[in-house]
N, C-alpha and C. Protein backbone atom coordinates (compact mmCIF):
# COMPACT_ATOMS: atom_id res chain seq x y z
N MET A 1 0.85 -1.20 0.00
CA MET A 1 0.00 0.00 0.00
C MET A 1 0.88 1.24 0.00
N LYS A 2 0.54 2.19 -0.84
CA LYS A 2 1.30 3.43 -0.89
C LYS A 2 0.97 4.31 0.29
N ALA A 3 2.00 4.96 0.81
CA ALA A 3 1.75 5.91 1.90
C ALA A 3 0.99 7.10 1.37
N ALA A 4 0.15 7.68 2.23
CA ALA A 4 -0.61 8.87 1.84
C ALA A 4 0.36 10.00 1.52
N GLN A 5 0.02 10.78 0.53
CA GLN A 5 0.85 11.92 0.16
C GLN A 5 0.94 12.90 1.32
N LEU A 6 2.15 13.37 1.61
CA LEU A 6 2.33 14.33 2.69
C LEU A 6 1.63 15.64 2.33
N ALA A 7 0.72 16.06 3.18
CA ALA A 7 -0.08 17.25 2.90
C ALA A 7 0.52 18.45 3.61
N LEU A 8 1.24 19.25 2.88
CA LEU A 8 1.82 20.46 3.45
C LEU A 8 0.82 21.60 3.34
N ASP A 9 0.59 22.31 4.44
CA ASP A 9 -0.36 23.42 4.42
C ASP A 9 0.35 24.67 3.92
N LEU A 10 0.59 24.70 2.57
CA LEU A 10 1.34 25.79 1.96
C LEU A 10 0.54 27.06 1.94
N ALA A 11 -0.73 26.91 1.92
CA ALA A 11 -1.54 28.05 1.64
C ALA A 11 -1.69 28.75 2.94
N LEU A 12 -1.35 29.30 3.54
CA LEU A 12 -1.84 30.61 3.36
C LEU A 12 -2.11 31.21 4.72
N GLN A 13 -1.45 32.22 4.93
CA GLN A 13 -1.85 33.05 6.05
C GLN A 13 -3.17 33.71 5.70
N PRO A 14 -3.99 34.01 6.73
CA PRO A 14 -5.26 34.71 6.43
C PRO A 14 -5.01 35.98 5.63
N ASP A 15 -5.83 36.18 4.62
CA ASP A 15 -5.71 37.36 3.77
C ASP A 15 -6.55 38.48 4.36
N TYR A 16 -5.88 39.46 4.98
CA TYR A 16 -6.58 40.56 5.62
C TYR A 16 -6.53 41.82 4.77
N SER A 17 -6.38 41.66 3.48
CA SER A 17 -6.35 42.82 2.60
C SER A 17 -7.75 43.38 2.40
N ALA A 18 -7.82 44.61 1.90
CA ALA A 18 -9.11 45.23 1.64
C ALA A 18 -9.87 44.47 0.55
N ASP A 19 -9.15 43.96 -0.44
CA ASP A 19 -9.79 43.24 -1.53
C ASP A 19 -10.45 41.95 -1.06
N ALA A 20 -9.95 41.39 0.05
CA ALA A 20 -10.47 40.12 0.54
C ALA A 20 -11.65 40.30 1.50
N TYR A 21 -11.97 41.54 1.83
CA TYR A 21 -13.06 41.78 2.78
C TYR A 21 -14.40 41.72 2.07
N CYS A 22 -15.27 40.85 2.53
CA CYS A 22 -16.59 40.66 1.93
C CYS A 22 -17.61 41.49 2.69
N VAL A 23 -18.35 42.32 1.99
CA VAL A 23 -19.33 43.22 2.61
C VAL A 23 -20.74 42.72 2.33
N THR A 24 -21.51 42.50 3.41
CA THR A 24 -22.92 42.11 3.30
C THR A 24 -23.70 42.90 4.36
N ASP A 25 -24.98 42.55 4.50
CA ASP A 25 -25.81 43.24 5.49
C ASP A 25 -25.28 43.09 6.90
N ALA A 26 -24.52 42.02 7.17
CA ALA A 26 -24.02 41.76 8.52
C ALA A 26 -22.94 42.75 8.94
N ASN A 27 -22.27 43.38 7.97
CA ASN A 27 -21.13 44.22 8.35
C ASN A 27 -21.06 45.55 7.62
N ILE A 28 -22.01 45.84 6.74
CA ILE A 28 -21.87 47.03 5.91
C ILE A 28 -21.91 48.32 6.73
N ALA A 29 -22.73 48.37 7.76
CA ALA A 29 -22.81 49.59 8.57
C ALA A 29 -21.48 49.85 9.28
N ALA A 30 -20.89 48.80 9.85
CA ALA A 30 -19.60 48.94 10.53
C ALA A 30 -18.51 49.31 9.53
N TRP A 31 -18.53 48.68 8.38
CA TRP A 31 -17.53 48.96 7.35
C TRP A 31 -17.59 50.42 6.92
N ARG A 32 -18.80 50.95 6.72
CA ARG A 32 -18.95 52.34 6.31
C ARG A 32 -18.45 53.29 7.39
N THR A 33 -18.69 52.94 8.65
CA THR A 33 -18.23 53.80 9.74
C THR A 33 -16.71 53.83 9.83
N VAL A 34 -16.10 52.66 9.72
CA VAL A 34 -14.63 52.61 9.75
C VAL A 34 -14.06 53.37 8.56
N GLU A 35 -14.67 53.23 7.40
CA GLU A 35 -14.19 53.91 6.20
C GLU A 35 -14.31 55.43 6.30
N ARG A 36 -15.13 55.91 7.22
CA ARG A 36 -15.33 57.35 7.37
C ARG A 36 -14.14 58.03 8.08
N TRP A 37 -13.19 57.23 8.57
CA TRP A 37 -11.98 57.79 9.18
C TRP A 37 -11.34 58.80 8.21
N PRO A 38 -10.81 59.90 8.73
CA PRO A 38 -10.63 60.26 10.15
C PRO A 38 -11.79 61.07 10.75
N ARG A 39 -12.96 61.05 10.10
CA ARG A 39 -14.08 61.85 10.59
C ARG A 39 -14.91 61.06 11.60
N TRP A 40 -14.24 60.65 12.69
CA TRP A 40 -14.92 59.97 13.78
C TRP A 40 -15.20 60.96 14.90
N ARG A 41 -16.33 60.79 15.55
CA ARG A 41 -16.67 61.66 16.66
C ARG A 41 -15.64 61.48 17.79
N TYR A 42 -15.13 62.57 18.29
CA TYR A 42 -14.13 62.58 19.36
C TYR A 42 -12.81 61.94 18.95
N GLY A 43 -12.62 61.67 17.66
CA GLY A 43 -11.33 61.15 17.20
C GLY A 43 -11.08 59.68 17.48
N HIS A 44 -12.10 58.98 17.97
CA HIS A 44 -11.90 57.55 18.21
C HIS A 44 -13.17 56.77 17.89
N LEU A 45 -12.99 55.47 17.65
CA LEU A 45 -14.09 54.59 17.28
C LEU A 45 -13.93 53.26 17.99
N LEU A 46 -15.04 52.72 18.46
CA LEU A 46 -15.06 51.40 19.08
C LEU A 46 -15.74 50.43 18.14
N LEU A 47 -15.03 49.37 17.76
CA LEU A 47 -15.55 48.33 16.86
C LEU A 47 -15.88 47.10 17.70
N VAL A 48 -17.16 46.76 17.77
CA VAL A 48 -17.62 45.67 18.64
C VAL A 48 -18.25 44.57 17.80
N GLY A 49 -17.90 43.34 18.10
CA GLY A 49 -18.51 42.20 17.40
C GLY A 49 -18.04 40.90 18.01
N PRO A 50 -18.84 39.83 17.88
CA PRO A 50 -18.45 38.54 18.46
C PRO A 50 -17.24 37.95 17.76
N ALA A 51 -16.63 36.98 18.39
CA ALA A 51 -15.50 36.28 17.79
C ALA A 51 -15.90 35.72 16.44
N GLY A 52 -15.04 35.89 15.44
CA GLY A 52 -15.31 35.36 14.12
C GLY A 52 -16.13 36.26 13.23
N SER A 53 -16.43 37.48 13.70
CA SER A 53 -17.26 38.39 12.91
C SER A 53 -16.45 39.25 11.95
N GLY A 54 -15.12 39.21 12.05
CA GLY A 54 -14.27 39.95 11.13
C GLY A 54 -13.65 41.21 11.69
N LYS A 55 -13.61 41.34 13.02
CA LYS A 55 -13.01 42.54 13.64
C LYS A 55 -11.56 42.71 13.25
N THR A 56 -10.79 41.63 13.35
CA THR A 56 -9.36 41.72 13.06
C THR A 56 -9.12 42.12 11.61
N HIS A 57 -9.92 41.58 10.70
CA HIS A 57 -9.76 41.91 9.29
C HIS A 57 -10.07 43.38 9.03
N LEU A 58 -11.22 43.85 9.54
CA LEU A 58 -11.61 45.23 9.31
C LEU A 58 -10.64 46.20 9.98
N ALA A 59 -10.22 45.87 11.19
CA ALA A 59 -9.24 46.71 11.89
C ALA A 59 -7.91 46.74 11.14
N GLY A 60 -7.54 45.60 10.56
CA GLY A 60 -6.29 45.54 9.80
C GLY A 60 -6.34 46.38 8.53
N ILE A 61 -7.50 46.39 7.87
CA ILE A 61 -7.66 47.24 6.69
C ILE A 61 -7.47 48.70 7.07
N TRP A 62 -8.11 49.09 8.17
CA TRP A 62 -7.97 50.48 8.63
C TRP A 62 -6.53 50.79 9.02
N ALA A 63 -5.90 49.88 9.75
CA ALA A 63 -4.54 50.11 10.23
C ALA A 63 -3.57 50.31 9.07
N GLN A 64 -3.77 49.55 7.99
CA GLN A 64 -2.90 49.72 6.83
C GLN A 64 -3.15 51.08 6.17
N ARG A 65 -4.40 51.45 6.04
CA ARG A 65 -4.75 52.72 5.42
C ARG A 65 -4.26 53.91 6.25
N ALA A 66 -4.43 53.81 7.57
CA ALA A 66 -4.09 54.93 8.45
C ALA A 66 -2.63 54.89 8.91
N LYS A 67 -1.92 53.82 8.52
CA LYS A 67 -0.54 53.60 9.01
C LYS A 67 -0.53 53.61 10.54
N ALA A 68 -1.49 52.89 11.10
CA ALA A 68 -1.70 52.89 12.54
C ALA A 68 -0.66 52.02 13.25
N ARG A 69 -0.37 52.41 14.47
CA ARG A 69 0.55 51.64 15.31
C ARG A 69 -0.24 50.86 16.35
N PRO A 70 -0.08 49.53 16.40
CA PRO A 70 -0.78 48.76 17.44
C PRO A 70 -0.09 48.95 18.79
N LEU A 71 -0.88 49.15 19.81
CA LEU A 71 -0.36 49.27 21.17
C LEU A 71 -1.08 48.26 22.07
N ASP A 72 -0.41 47.90 23.15
CA ASP A 72 -0.98 46.97 24.12
C ASP A 72 -1.95 47.73 25.02
N PRO A 73 -3.25 47.41 24.98
CA PRO A 73 -4.20 48.17 25.80
C PRO A 73 -4.03 47.97 27.30
N GLN A 74 -3.27 46.95 27.68
CA GLN A 74 -3.05 46.71 29.10
C GLN A 74 -1.78 47.37 29.62
N ASP A 75 -1.07 48.08 28.74
CA ASP A 75 0.19 48.71 29.14
C ASP A 75 0.35 50.05 28.45
N LEU A 76 -0.75 50.82 28.40
CA LEU A 76 -0.76 52.04 27.62
C LEU A 76 0.04 53.18 28.25
N SER A 77 0.06 53.25 29.56
CA SER A 77 0.71 54.39 30.21
C SER A 77 2.16 54.55 29.79
N LYS A 78 2.85 53.42 29.57
CA LYS A 78 4.25 53.48 29.17
C LYS A 78 4.42 53.93 27.72
N SER A 79 3.35 53.79 26.93
CA SER A 79 3.44 54.09 25.49
C SER A 79 2.98 55.50 25.14
N LEU A 80 2.29 56.16 26.06
CA LEU A 80 1.65 57.43 25.73
C LEU A 80 2.63 58.48 25.23
N LYS A 81 3.79 58.56 25.86
CA LYS A 81 4.75 59.60 25.48
C LYS A 81 5.26 59.41 24.06
N SER A 82 5.19 58.19 23.56
CA SER A 82 5.71 57.93 22.22
C SER A 82 4.67 58.18 21.13
N VAL A 83 3.42 58.43 21.51
CA VAL A 83 2.37 58.69 20.52
C VAL A 83 2.48 60.13 20.05
N GLN A 84 2.76 60.30 18.78
CA GLN A 84 3.02 61.62 18.23
C GLN A 84 1.73 62.28 17.73
N ARG A 85 1.78 63.60 17.61
CA ARG A 85 0.66 64.35 17.05
C ARG A 85 0.33 63.82 15.65
N GLY A 86 -0.93 63.60 15.38
CA GLY A 86 -1.36 63.12 14.08
C GLY A 86 -1.26 61.61 13.90
N GLU A 87 -0.83 60.89 14.92
CA GLU A 87 -0.64 59.45 14.78
C GLU A 87 -1.95 58.69 14.95
N ALA A 88 -2.04 57.54 14.29
CA ALA A 88 -3.18 56.64 14.42
C ALA A 88 -2.77 55.44 15.27
N VAL A 89 -3.66 55.03 16.17
CA VAL A 89 -3.36 53.96 17.12
C VAL A 89 -4.44 52.89 17.06
N LEU A 90 -4.02 51.63 17.07
CA LEU A 90 -4.95 50.50 17.09
C LEU A 90 -4.82 49.77 18.42
N LEU A 91 -5.96 49.59 19.08
CA LEU A 91 -6.03 48.85 20.35
C LEU A 91 -7.04 47.72 20.18
N GLU A 92 -6.58 46.47 20.29
CA GLU A 92 -7.47 45.34 20.05
C GLU A 92 -7.81 44.59 21.33
N ASP A 93 -9.01 44.02 21.34
CA ASP A 93 -9.48 43.13 22.42
C ASP A 93 -9.51 43.82 23.78
N LEU A 94 -10.11 44.99 23.84
CA LEU A 94 -10.16 45.73 25.09
C LEU A 94 -10.99 45.02 26.16
N HIS A 95 -11.85 44.12 25.77
CA HIS A 95 -12.67 43.40 26.75
C HIS A 95 -11.83 42.47 27.62
N THR A 96 -10.59 42.18 27.20
CA THR A 96 -9.74 41.27 27.98
C THR A 96 -8.95 42.00 29.06
N GLY A 97 -9.03 43.32 29.09
CA GLY A 97 -8.33 44.08 30.12
C GLY A 97 -7.67 45.33 29.55
N ILE A 98 -7.67 46.40 30.33
CA ILE A 98 -7.10 47.67 29.87
C ILE A 98 -6.38 48.39 30.99
N ASP A 99 -5.41 49.18 30.61
CA ASP A 99 -4.77 50.16 31.49
C ASP A 99 -5.70 51.37 31.49
N GLU A 100 -6.51 51.50 32.52
CA GLU A 100 -7.58 52.49 32.51
C GLU A 100 -7.05 53.93 32.46
N ASP A 101 -6.06 54.23 33.25
CA ASP A 101 -5.50 55.59 33.23
C ASP A 101 -4.92 55.91 31.86
N GLY A 102 -4.17 54.95 31.31
CA GLY A 102 -3.55 55.18 30.02
C GLY A 102 -4.58 55.37 28.92
N LEU A 103 -5.64 54.56 28.93
CA LEU A 103 -6.66 54.69 27.90
C LEU A 103 -7.41 56.01 28.04
N PHE A 104 -7.70 56.41 29.26
CA PHE A 104 -8.40 57.68 29.47
C PHE A 104 -7.60 58.85 28.90
N HIS A 105 -6.32 58.87 29.17
CA HIS A 105 -5.49 59.98 28.68
C HIS A 105 -5.33 59.92 27.16
N LEU A 106 -5.25 58.70 26.59
CA LEU A 106 -5.14 58.58 25.14
C LEU A 106 -6.42 59.08 24.45
N LEU A 107 -7.57 58.70 24.99
CA LEU A 107 -8.84 59.15 24.39
C LEU A 107 -9.03 60.65 24.55
N ASN A 108 -8.52 61.21 25.64
CA ASN A 108 -8.58 62.67 25.80
C ASN A 108 -7.75 63.36 24.72
N ARG A 109 -6.60 62.78 24.41
CA ARG A 109 -5.77 63.36 23.36
C ARG A 109 -6.49 63.26 22.00
N ALA A 110 -7.14 62.13 21.76
CA ALA A 110 -7.87 61.97 20.51
C ALA A 110 -9.03 62.97 20.40
N ALA A 111 -9.68 63.22 21.53
CA ALA A 111 -10.82 64.14 21.53
C ALA A 111 -10.39 65.60 21.49
N GLY A 112 -9.11 65.86 21.80
CA GLY A 112 -8.60 67.22 21.81
C GLY A 112 -8.09 67.63 20.44
N ASP A 113 -7.05 68.44 20.44
CA ASP A 113 -6.55 68.97 19.17
C ASP A 113 -5.20 68.37 18.79
N ALA A 114 -4.91 67.16 19.33
CA ALA A 114 -3.62 66.54 19.05
C ALA A 114 -3.61 65.80 17.73
N GLY A 115 -4.75 65.65 17.09
CA GLY A 115 -4.80 64.96 15.81
C GLY A 115 -4.61 63.46 15.91
N VAL A 116 -4.68 62.91 17.11
CA VAL A 116 -4.53 61.47 17.30
C VAL A 116 -5.88 60.79 17.02
N THR A 117 -5.85 59.66 16.32
CA THR A 117 -7.06 58.87 16.12
C THR A 117 -6.83 57.47 16.67
N VAL A 118 -7.89 56.91 17.25
CA VAL A 118 -7.78 55.62 17.94
C VAL A 118 -8.91 54.71 17.49
N LEU A 119 -8.57 53.50 17.02
CA LEU A 119 -9.56 52.46 16.77
C LEU A 119 -9.40 51.39 17.83
N MET A 120 -10.51 51.11 18.52
CA MET A 120 -10.53 50.09 19.56
C MET A 120 -11.44 48.94 19.11
N THR A 121 -11.06 47.70 19.45
CA THR A 121 -11.93 46.56 19.15
C THR A 121 -12.22 45.79 20.43
N ALA A 122 -13.39 45.15 20.44
CA ALA A 122 -13.80 44.35 21.59
C ALA A 122 -14.91 43.41 21.18
N SER A 123 -15.03 42.31 21.89
CA SER A 123 -16.10 41.36 21.62
C SER A 123 -17.40 41.73 22.33
N ARG A 124 -17.28 42.60 23.34
CA ARG A 124 -18.46 43.00 24.11
C ARG A 124 -18.46 44.52 24.28
N PRO A 125 -19.62 45.14 24.47
CA PRO A 125 -19.68 46.58 24.68
C PRO A 125 -19.09 46.97 26.03
N PRO A 126 -18.69 48.24 26.19
CA PRO A 126 -18.01 48.67 27.41
C PRO A 126 -18.80 48.44 28.70
N VAL A 127 -20.12 48.42 28.60
CA VAL A 127 -20.91 48.20 29.81
C VAL A 127 -20.61 46.84 30.44
N ASP A 128 -20.08 45.92 29.64
CA ASP A 128 -19.74 44.58 30.14
C ASP A 128 -18.27 44.45 30.53
N TRP A 129 -17.50 45.55 30.45
CA TRP A 129 -16.10 45.50 30.86
C TRP A 129 -16.01 45.90 32.34
N PRO A 130 -15.02 45.37 33.05
CA PRO A 130 -14.86 45.75 34.46
C PRO A 130 -14.10 47.07 34.61
N VAL A 131 -14.69 48.17 34.12
CA VAL A 131 -14.03 49.48 34.18
C VAL A 131 -14.37 50.14 35.52
N GLU A 132 -13.34 50.53 36.24
CA GLU A 132 -13.54 51.13 37.57
C GLU A 132 -13.42 52.65 37.55
N LEU A 133 -12.73 53.22 36.58
CA LEU A 133 -12.52 54.67 36.52
C LEU A 133 -13.78 55.33 35.94
N PRO A 134 -14.51 56.09 36.75
CA PRO A 134 -15.79 56.66 36.27
C PRO A 134 -15.63 57.52 35.02
N ASP A 135 -14.59 58.34 34.96
CA ASP A 135 -14.41 59.22 33.80
C ASP A 135 -14.17 58.41 32.53
N LEU A 136 -13.44 57.31 32.65
CA LEU A 136 -13.21 56.45 31.49
C LEU A 136 -14.51 55.76 31.07
N ALA A 137 -15.27 55.27 32.05
CA ALA A 137 -16.54 54.62 31.73
C ALA A 137 -17.46 55.57 30.98
N SER A 138 -17.47 56.83 31.41
CA SER A 138 -18.29 57.84 30.73
C SER A 138 -17.80 58.08 29.31
N ARG A 139 -16.49 58.16 29.15
CA ARG A 139 -15.89 58.38 27.83
C ARG A 139 -16.22 57.22 26.88
N LEU A 140 -16.14 56.00 27.38
CA LEU A 140 -16.41 54.83 26.55
C LEU A 140 -17.89 54.73 26.19
N THR A 141 -18.76 55.09 27.12
CA THR A 141 -20.20 55.07 26.85
C THR A 141 -20.55 56.04 25.73
N ALA A 142 -19.85 57.18 25.70
CA ALA A 142 -20.12 58.21 24.70
C ALA A 142 -19.40 57.96 23.37
N ALA A 143 -18.52 56.96 23.34
CA ALA A 143 -17.71 56.72 22.14
C ALA A 143 -18.59 56.31 20.96
N GLU A 144 -18.22 56.79 19.78
CA GLU A 144 -18.89 56.31 18.57
C GLU A 144 -18.58 54.82 18.42
N THR A 145 -19.61 54.04 18.13
CA THR A 145 -19.47 52.59 18.10
C THR A 145 -19.98 52.02 16.78
N ALA A 146 -19.19 51.11 16.21
CA ALA A 146 -19.59 50.36 15.02
C ALA A 146 -19.75 48.90 15.42
N VAL A 147 -20.86 48.31 15.03
CA VAL A 147 -21.17 46.95 15.47
C VAL A 147 -21.11 45.97 14.30
N LEU A 148 -20.34 44.92 14.48
CA LEU A 148 -20.30 43.80 13.53
C LEU A 148 -21.19 42.69 14.06
N HIS A 149 -22.05 42.17 13.20
CA HIS A 149 -22.93 41.08 13.61
C HIS A 149 -22.33 39.74 13.18
N GLU A 150 -22.88 38.67 13.72
CA GLU A 150 -22.43 37.35 13.29
C GLU A 150 -22.61 37.21 11.79
N PRO A 151 -21.71 36.52 11.11
CA PRO A 151 -21.80 36.40 9.65
C PRO A 151 -23.15 35.84 9.20
N ASP A 152 -23.75 36.47 8.21
CA ASP A 152 -24.98 35.94 7.63
C ASP A 152 -24.63 34.95 6.53
N ASP A 153 -25.67 34.35 5.93
CA ASP A 153 -25.44 33.32 4.91
C ASP A 153 -24.67 33.88 3.72
N ALA A 154 -25.00 35.12 3.32
CA ALA A 154 -24.33 35.72 2.16
C ALA A 154 -22.84 35.92 2.42
N LEU A 155 -22.51 36.38 3.63
CA LEU A 155 -21.11 36.60 3.97
C LEU A 155 -20.34 35.29 4.04
N LEU A 156 -20.92 34.28 4.70
CA LEU A 156 -20.24 32.99 4.80
C LEU A 156 -20.01 32.38 3.42
N ARG A 157 -20.99 32.50 2.54
CA ARG A 157 -20.83 31.96 1.19
C ARG A 157 -19.67 32.66 0.47
N GLN A 158 -19.62 33.99 0.55
CA GLN A 158 -18.54 34.73 -0.11
C GLN A 158 -17.18 34.34 0.46
N VAL A 159 -17.11 34.22 1.79
CA VAL A 159 -15.85 33.85 2.44
C VAL A 159 -15.42 32.46 2.01
N MET A 160 -16.36 31.50 2.06
CA MET A 160 -16.02 30.13 1.69
C MET A 160 -15.60 30.04 0.23
N GLU A 161 -16.32 30.69 -0.65
CA GLU A 161 -15.97 30.64 -2.07
C GLU A 161 -14.58 31.21 -2.32
N LYS A 162 -14.24 32.30 -1.61
CA LYS A 162 -12.92 32.90 -1.81
C LYS A 162 -11.82 31.99 -1.26
N LEU A 163 -12.04 31.40 -0.08
CA LEU A 163 -11.04 30.51 0.50
C LEU A 163 -10.80 29.30 -0.40
N ILE A 164 -11.87 28.73 -0.91
CA ILE A 164 -11.75 27.57 -1.80
C ILE A 164 -11.05 27.96 -3.09
N ARG A 165 -11.39 29.12 -3.62
CA ARG A 165 -10.75 29.60 -4.86
C ARG A 165 -9.26 29.88 -4.64
N ASP A 166 -8.93 30.52 -3.52
CA ASP A 166 -7.52 30.85 -3.26
C ASP A 166 -6.67 29.60 -3.11
N ARG A 167 -7.21 28.58 -2.50
CA ARG A 167 -6.45 27.34 -2.29
C ARG A 167 -6.57 26.38 -3.47
N ARG A 168 -7.48 26.70 -4.41
CA ARG A 168 -7.75 25.82 -5.55
C ARG A 168 -8.16 24.42 -5.07
N THR A 169 -8.99 24.41 -4.05
CA THR A 169 -9.44 23.15 -3.46
C THR A 169 -10.49 22.50 -4.36
N PRO A 170 -10.25 21.29 -4.88
CA PRO A 170 -11.25 20.61 -5.72
C PRO A 170 -12.43 20.16 -4.86
N MET A 171 -13.65 20.36 -5.34
CA MET A 171 -14.83 20.07 -4.54
C MET A 171 -15.95 19.58 -5.45
N THR A 172 -16.59 18.50 -5.08
CA THR A 172 -17.67 17.97 -5.90
C THR A 172 -18.93 18.80 -5.74
N ALA A 173 -19.84 18.66 -6.68
CA ALA A 173 -21.06 19.47 -6.71
C ALA A 173 -21.89 19.26 -5.44
N GLY A 174 -22.41 20.36 -4.93
CA GLY A 174 -23.30 20.30 -3.78
C GLY A 174 -22.62 20.32 -2.43
N VAL A 175 -21.28 20.17 -2.39
CA VAL A 175 -20.58 20.09 -1.10
C VAL A 175 -20.59 21.44 -0.38
N LEU A 176 -20.40 22.53 -1.13
CA LEU A 176 -20.40 23.83 -0.48
C LEU A 176 -21.74 24.10 0.20
N GLU A 177 -22.85 23.79 -0.48
CA GLU A 177 -24.17 23.99 0.11
C GLU A 177 -24.33 23.12 1.36
N TYR A 178 -23.81 21.91 1.31
CA TYR A 178 -23.85 21.00 2.45
C TYR A 178 -23.13 21.62 3.65
N LEU A 179 -21.97 22.19 3.40
CA LEU A 179 -21.19 22.80 4.47
C LEU A 179 -21.88 24.04 5.04
N LEU A 180 -22.40 24.87 4.17
CA LEU A 180 -22.98 26.14 4.61
C LEU A 180 -24.17 25.95 5.54
N THR A 181 -24.88 24.85 5.40
CA THR A 181 -26.04 24.62 6.26
C THR A 181 -25.68 23.96 7.58
N ARG A 182 -24.41 23.57 7.74
CA ARG A 182 -24.01 22.82 8.93
C ARG A 182 -22.85 23.42 9.71
N MET A 183 -22.11 24.34 9.12
CA MET A 183 -20.90 24.86 9.76
C MET A 183 -21.22 25.94 10.79
N ASP A 184 -20.27 26.19 11.68
CA ASP A 184 -20.39 27.29 12.63
C ASP A 184 -20.43 28.61 11.88
N ARG A 185 -21.17 29.57 12.40
CA ARG A 185 -21.33 30.87 11.75
C ARG A 185 -20.17 31.78 12.15
N SER A 186 -19.01 31.51 11.63
CA SER A 186 -17.81 32.23 12.02
C SER A 186 -16.83 32.25 10.86
N VAL A 187 -16.24 33.42 10.60
CA VAL A 187 -15.23 33.53 9.56
C VAL A 187 -13.99 32.73 9.94
N ASP A 188 -13.60 32.77 11.22
CA ASP A 188 -12.44 32.00 11.67
C ASP A 188 -12.68 30.50 11.48
N TYR A 189 -13.89 30.06 11.79
CA TYR A 189 -14.22 28.65 11.59
C TYR A 189 -14.15 28.29 10.11
N ALA A 190 -14.63 29.17 9.24
CA ALA A 190 -14.58 28.92 7.80
C ALA A 190 -13.14 28.71 7.35
N ARG A 191 -12.23 29.56 7.83
CA ARG A 191 -10.81 29.41 7.46
C ARG A 191 -10.27 28.06 7.91
N ALA A 192 -10.57 27.70 9.16
CA ALA A 192 -10.07 26.44 9.70
C ALA A 192 -10.66 25.25 8.94
N LEU A 193 -11.93 25.33 8.59
CA LEU A 193 -12.59 24.22 7.89
C LEU A 193 -12.01 24.02 6.50
N VAL A 194 -11.86 25.10 5.75
CA VAL A 194 -11.32 24.97 4.38
C VAL A 194 -9.87 24.49 4.43
N ALA A 195 -9.09 24.95 5.41
CA ALA A 195 -7.71 24.48 5.53
C ALA A 195 -7.68 22.98 5.78
N TRP A 196 -8.56 22.50 6.67
CA TRP A 196 -8.61 21.06 6.97
C TRP A 196 -9.01 20.27 5.73
N LEU A 197 -10.04 20.72 5.04
CA LEU A 197 -10.52 20.01 3.85
C LEU A 197 -9.47 19.99 2.74
N ASP A 198 -8.81 21.12 2.56
CA ASP A 198 -7.78 21.20 1.52
C ASP A 198 -6.63 20.25 1.82
N ARG A 199 -6.23 20.21 3.07
CA ARG A 199 -5.13 19.33 3.48
C ARG A 199 -5.49 17.86 3.26
N GLU A 200 -6.71 17.50 3.66
CA GLU A 200 -7.12 16.11 3.52
C GLU A 200 -7.34 15.71 2.06
N ALA A 201 -7.87 16.63 1.27
CA ALA A 201 -8.07 16.33 -0.15
C ALA A 201 -6.73 16.08 -0.84
N LEU A 202 -5.73 16.87 -0.48
CA LEU A 202 -4.40 16.69 -1.05
C LEU A 202 -3.81 15.35 -0.61
N ALA A 203 -3.96 15.02 0.66
CA ALA A 203 -3.41 13.77 1.17
C ALA A 203 -4.06 12.55 0.52
N ARG A 204 -5.36 12.66 0.22
CA ARG A 204 -6.09 11.53 -0.35
C ARG A 204 -6.14 11.57 -1.88
N LYS A 205 -5.54 12.61 -2.44
CA LYS A 205 -5.44 12.75 -3.90
C LYS A 205 -6.82 12.71 -4.57
N GLY A 206 -7.74 13.48 -4.03
CA GLY A 206 -9.07 13.54 -4.62
C GLY A 206 -9.78 14.81 -4.20
N PRO A 207 -10.97 15.03 -4.73
CA PRO A 207 -11.72 16.24 -4.39
C PRO A 207 -12.37 16.12 -3.02
N VAL A 208 -12.87 17.23 -2.53
CA VAL A 208 -13.65 17.22 -1.30
C VAL A 208 -15.05 16.72 -1.65
N THR A 209 -15.40 15.59 -1.08
CA THR A 209 -16.72 15.00 -1.27
C THR A 209 -17.58 15.28 -0.05
N ARG A 210 -18.85 14.90 -0.13
CA ARG A 210 -19.72 15.09 1.03
C ARG A 210 -19.23 14.27 2.22
N THR A 211 -18.69 13.10 1.94
CA THR A 211 -18.16 12.26 3.03
C THR A 211 -17.00 12.96 3.72
N LEU A 212 -16.08 13.52 2.94
CA LEU A 212 -14.94 14.24 3.53
C LEU A 212 -15.42 15.49 4.25
N ALA A 213 -16.41 16.16 3.69
CA ALA A 213 -16.96 17.34 4.35
C ALA A 213 -17.53 16.98 5.71
N ARG A 214 -18.22 15.86 5.79
CA ARG A 214 -18.78 15.40 7.06
C ARG A 214 -17.67 15.11 8.06
N GLU A 215 -16.59 14.52 7.58
CA GLU A 215 -15.45 14.24 8.45
C GLU A 215 -14.84 15.54 8.98
N GLY A 216 -14.73 16.54 8.09
CA GLY A 216 -14.15 17.80 8.49
C GLY A 216 -14.97 18.49 9.56
N LEU A 217 -16.28 18.50 9.40
CA LEU A 217 -17.15 19.11 10.41
C LEU A 217 -17.02 18.39 11.73
N ALA A 218 -16.92 17.06 11.68
CA ALA A 218 -16.77 16.30 12.92
C ALA A 218 -15.42 16.56 13.57
N ALA A 219 -14.37 16.65 12.73
CA ALA A 219 -13.02 16.87 13.27
C ALA A 219 -12.92 18.21 13.98
N LEU A 220 -13.48 19.25 13.39
CA LEU A 220 -13.39 20.57 14.00
C LEU A 220 -14.29 20.69 15.23
N SER A 221 -15.33 19.87 15.30
CA SER A 221 -16.22 19.94 16.46
C SER A 221 -15.56 19.36 17.70
N THR A 222 -14.49 18.56 17.52
CA THR A 222 -13.82 17.93 18.66
C THR A 222 -12.55 18.67 19.05
N GLU A 223 -12.16 19.72 18.28
CA GLU A 223 -10.91 20.43 18.59
C GLU A 223 -11.13 21.46 19.69
């Protein structure tokens, strides 16, 4: 018996380019708000959405356009002096913890005349964060907010089609529809699923069939 072909996962870091971003009803309002930069109220914007909704991708598009510098939201006080007039700053996953004093002073600079702009991302709105500084809580409540919703069917289809096309994954008729009705509603899950299917199809020297698709869904459900 011949050994299975070694399946190297050559493809592909996630494509976070603007061209790869799929816009549907689930994200168009947030996308338009981010695109309105630098005309954000108070010079900063909060991007909120569940895991897998595309926050990292949309924030990355903005960061490239704005030439933004990512900073650690839990260690902002040490970084404040290095933030120059007119600079753009990206702060991700604020729901996991923040340097409250540092964030308050950074947002004050953005709201003032320093020309600083700040994009913040989080999986939950500020009311669900353990913020103890009243002035910061007030600032965050007043922040302009863009909301990303869980991917809808149109978005998942576009994402899956692009991932399959980019990897040139062979797939028999009807398999994509089979997957779309059974997979988790997450862009991150879609990436993981197509990577698994592509790897297995290469190892087995054949297309992705419904049987292989079923195996992939089961494999990812146990990880």
